[in-house]
Amino acid sequence: MTAPNELRLLPWSGSDGKPCYLSTDDKTGYMSRLADNIEAVQRGTAAEVLEYASDSLNDQDADLEDLRLLTKELTGSLRDVLRVATSRGHLLAVSKPHP
């Protein structure tokens, strides 16, 4: 059984905005694979938004509404990848052997 300090932060939040966690030793189980797949999609989306942002910042004709939408997309992507990084960092810290 997974110890409480080894819970996996999932790449989504609950309906009330609170974080969701997964407690399992089965890294190939349905929920683990679902979380892995969603994290991959979030990273891919972040890469696409970043590329679009780079192009938009170089466009002298970009209008304010487009830049506002871009900022919203960047904020969402940053939130998603930060959650993934936090989860992965926690998992790495927990899985390190202690001397």
C-alpha atoms as a PDB file:
ATOM      1  CA  MET A   1       0.000   0.000   0.000  1.00  0.00           C
ATOM      2  CA  THR A   2       1.179   3.533  -0.732  1.00  0.00           C
ATOM      3  CA  ALA A   3       2.313   5.559   2.272  1.00  0.00           C
ATOM      4  CA  PRO A   4       0.477   8.885   2.761  1.00  0.00           C
ATOM      5  CA  ASN A   5       3.605  10.868   1.853  1.00  0.00           C
ATOM      6  CA  GLU A   6       3.815   9.003  -1.469  1.00  0.00           C
ATOM      7  CA  LEU A   7       0.477  10.082  -2.884  1.00  0.00           C
ATOM      8  CA  ARG A   8       0.594  11.178  -6.516  1.00  0.00           C
ATOM      9  CA  LEU A   9      -0.720  14.645  -7.267  1.00  0.00           C
ATOM     10  CA  LEU A  10      -3.004  14.179 -10.247  1.00  0.00           C
ATOM     11  CA  PRO A  11      -2.958  16.568 -13.214  1.00  0.00           C
ATOM     12  CA  TRP A  12      -6.472  17.796 -12.503  1.00  0.00           C
ATOM     13  CA  SER A  13      -8.326  19.273  -9.570  1.00  0.00           C
ATOM     14  CA  GLY A  14     -11.649  18.394  -8.016  1.00  0.00           C
ATOM     15  CA  SER A  15     -14.881  20.243  -8.697  1.00  0.00           C
ATOM     16  CA  ASP A  16     -14.135  22.532  -5.759  1.00  0.00           C
ATOM     17  CA  GLY A  17     -10.659  23.359  -7.109  1.00  0.00           C
ATOM     18  CA  LYS A  18      -8.825  21.281  -4.512  1.00  0.00           C
ATOM     19  CA  PRO A  19      -5.987  18.982  -5.583  1.00  0.00           C
ATOM     20  CA  CYS A  20      -6.681  15.318  -6.300  1.00  0.00           C
ATOM     21  CA  TYR A  21      -4.298  12.562  -5.277  1.00  0.00           C
ATOM     22  CA  LEU A  22      -3.836   8.937  -6.266  1.00  0.00           C
ATOM     23  CA  SER A  23      -2.833   6.253  -3.803  1.00  0.00           C
ATOM     24  CA  THR A  24      -1.596   3.141  -5.564  1.00  0.00           C
ATOM     25  CA  ASP A  25       1.487   1.008  -5.976  1.00  0.00           C
ATOM     26  CA  ASP A  26       0.351   0.020  -9.478  1.00  0.00           C
ATOM     27  CA  LYS A  27       2.057   2.431 -11.865  1.00  0.00           C
ATOM     28  CA  THR A  28       0.431   0.611 -14.803  1.00  0.00           C
ATOM     29  CA  GLY A  29      -3.106   0.811 -13.439  1.00  0.00           C
ATOM     30  CA  TYR A  30      -5.903   2.640 -15.223  1.00  0.00           C
ATOM     31  CA  MET A  31      -5.736   5.853 -13.146  1.00  0.00           C
ATOM     32  CA  SER A  32      -1.937   6.022 -13.327  1.00  0.00           C
ATOM     33  CA  ARG A  33      -2.011   5.625 -17.113  1.00  0.00           C
ATOM     34  CA  LEU A  34      -4.832   8.175 -17.405  1.00  0.00           C
ATOM     35  CA  ALA A  35      -2.828  10.680 -15.358  1.00  0.00           C
ATOM     36  CA  ASP A  36       0.303   9.988 -17.454  1.00  0.00           C
ATOM     37  CA  ASN A  37      -1.653  10.555 -20.672  1.00  0.00           C
ATOM     38  CA  ILE A  38      -3.233  13.778 -19.434  1.00  0.00           C
ATOM     39  CA  GLU A  39       0.172  15.049 -18.304  1.00  0.00           C
ATOM     40  CA  ALA A  40       1.559  14.303 -21.788  1.00  0.00           C
ATOM     41  CA  VAL A  41      -1.295  16.230 -23.405  1.00  0.00           C
ATOM     42  CA  GLN A  42      -0.758  19.151 -21.019  1.00  0.00           C
ATOM     43  CA  ARG A  43       2.972  19.271 -21.814  1.00  0.00           C
ATOM     44  CA  GLY A  44       2.223  19.137 -25.542  1.00  0.00           C
ATOM     45  CA  THR A  45      -0.338  21.912 -25.261  1.00  0.00           C
ATOM     46  CA  ALA A  46       2.127  24.030 -23.271  1.00  0.00           C
ATOM     47  CA  ALA A  47       4.749  23.577 -26.008  1.00  0.00           C
ATOM     48  CA  GLU A  48       2.247  24.657 -28.678  1.00  0.00           C
ATOM     49  CA  VAL A  49       1.116  27.696 -26.669  1.00  0.00           C
ATOM     50  CA  LEU A  50       4.734  28.677 -26.031  1.00  0.00           C
ATOM     51  CA  GLU A  51       5.526  28.500 -29.737  1.00  0.00           C
ATOM     52  CA  TYR A  52       2.452  30.593 -30.541  1.00  0.00           C
ATOM     53  CA  ALA A  53       3.437  33.101 -27.832  1.00  0.00           C
ATOM     54  CA  SER A  54       6.924  33.452 -29.289  1.00  0.00           C
ATOM     55  CA  ASP A  55       5.464  34.137 -32.720  1.00  0.00           C
ATOM     56  CA  SER A  56       2.902  36.587 -31.342  1.00  0.00           C
ATOM     57  CA  LEU A  57       5.473  38.573 -29.391  1.00  0.00           C
ATOM     58  CA  ASN A  58       7.421  39.087 -32.607  1.00  0.00           C
ATOM     59  CA  ASP A  59       4.271  40.245 -34.447  1.00  0.00           C
ATOM     60  CA  GLN A  60       4.094  44.045 -34.304  1.00  0.00           C
ATOM     61  CA  ASP A  61       0.487  43.890 -35.581  1.00  0.00           C
ATOM     62  CA  ALA A  62      -0.871  41.618 -32.805  1.00  0.00           C
ATOM     63  CA  ASP A  63      -3.938  43.254 -31.316  1.00  0.00           C
ATOM     64  CA  LEU A  64      -4.720  43.607 -27.632  1.00  0.00           C
ATOM     65  CA  GLU A  65      -7.556  41.045 -27.639  1.00  0.00           C
ATOM     66  CA  ASP A  66      -5.302  38.395 -29.185  1.00  0.00           C
ATOM     67  CA  LEU A  67      -2.630  39.099 -26.585  1.00  0.00           C
ATOM     68  CA  ARG A  68      -5.204  38.830 -23.767  1.00  0.00           C
ATOM     69  CA  LEU A  69      -6.348  35.451 -25.079  1.00  0.00           C
ATOM     70  CA  LEU A  70      -2.728  34.364 -25.382  1.00  0.00           C
ATOM     71  CA  THR A  71      -2.082  35.421 -21.780  1.00  0.00           C
ATOM     72  CA  LYS A  72      -5.067  33.357 -20.648  1.00  0.00           C
ATOM     73  CA  GLU A  73      -3.778  30.317 -22.549  1.00  0.00           C
ATOM     74  CA  LEU A  74      -0.255  30.788 -21.193  1.00  0.00           C
ATOM     75  CA  THR A  75      -1.574  31.051 -17.637  1.00  0.00           C
ATOM     76  CA  GLY A  76      -3.564  27.827 -17.989  1.00  0.00           C
ATOM     77  CA  SER A  77      -0.643  25.965 -19.532  1.00  0.00           C
ATOM     78  CA  LEU A  78       1.753  27.226 -16.897  1.00  0.00           C
ATOM     79  CA  ARG A  79      -0.637  26.095 -14.165  1.00  0.00           C
ATOM     80  CA  ASP A  80      -0.865  22.628 -15.742  1.00  0.00           C
ATOM     81  CA  VAL A  81       2.868  22.097 -16.222  1.00  0.00           C
ATOM     82  CA  LEU A  82       3.616  23.465 -12.757  1.00  0.00           C
ATOM     83  CA  ARG A  83       1.258  20.850 -11.320  1.00  0.00           C
ATOM     84  CA  VAL A  84       3.033  18.140 -13.346  1.00  0.00           C
ATOM     85  CA  ALA A  85       6.450  19.402 -12.217  1.00  0.00           C
ATOM     86  CA  THR A  86       5.319  19.513  -8.590  1.00  0.00           C
ATOM     87  CA  SER A  87       3.932  15.989  -8.817  1.00  0.00           C
ATOM     88  CA  ARG A  88       7.015  14.604 -10.561  1.00  0.00           C
ATOM     89  CA  GLY A  89       9.368  16.394  -8.176  1.00  0.00           C
ATOM     90  CA  HIS A  90       7.525  14.969  -5.200  1.00  0.00           C
ATOM     91  CA  LEU A  91       7.602  11.473  -6.675  1.00  0.00           C
ATOM     92  CA  LEU A  92      11.337  11.760  -7.336  1.00  0.00           C
ATOM     93  CA  ALA A  93      12.008  12.946  -3.777  1.00  0.00           C
ATOM     94  CA  VAL A  94       9.948  10.101  -2.302  1.00  0.00           C
ATOM     95  CA  SER A  95      11.534   7.420  -4.510  1.00  0.00           C
ATOM     96  CA  LYS A  96      15.132   8.373  -3.676  1.00  0.00           C
ATOM     97  CA  PRO A  97      16.751   5.847  -1.352  1.00  0.00           C
ATOM     98  CA  HIS A  98      17.470   7.344   2.039  1.00  0.00           C
ATOM     99  CA  PRO A  99      20.987   6.659   3.415  1.00  0.00           C
END
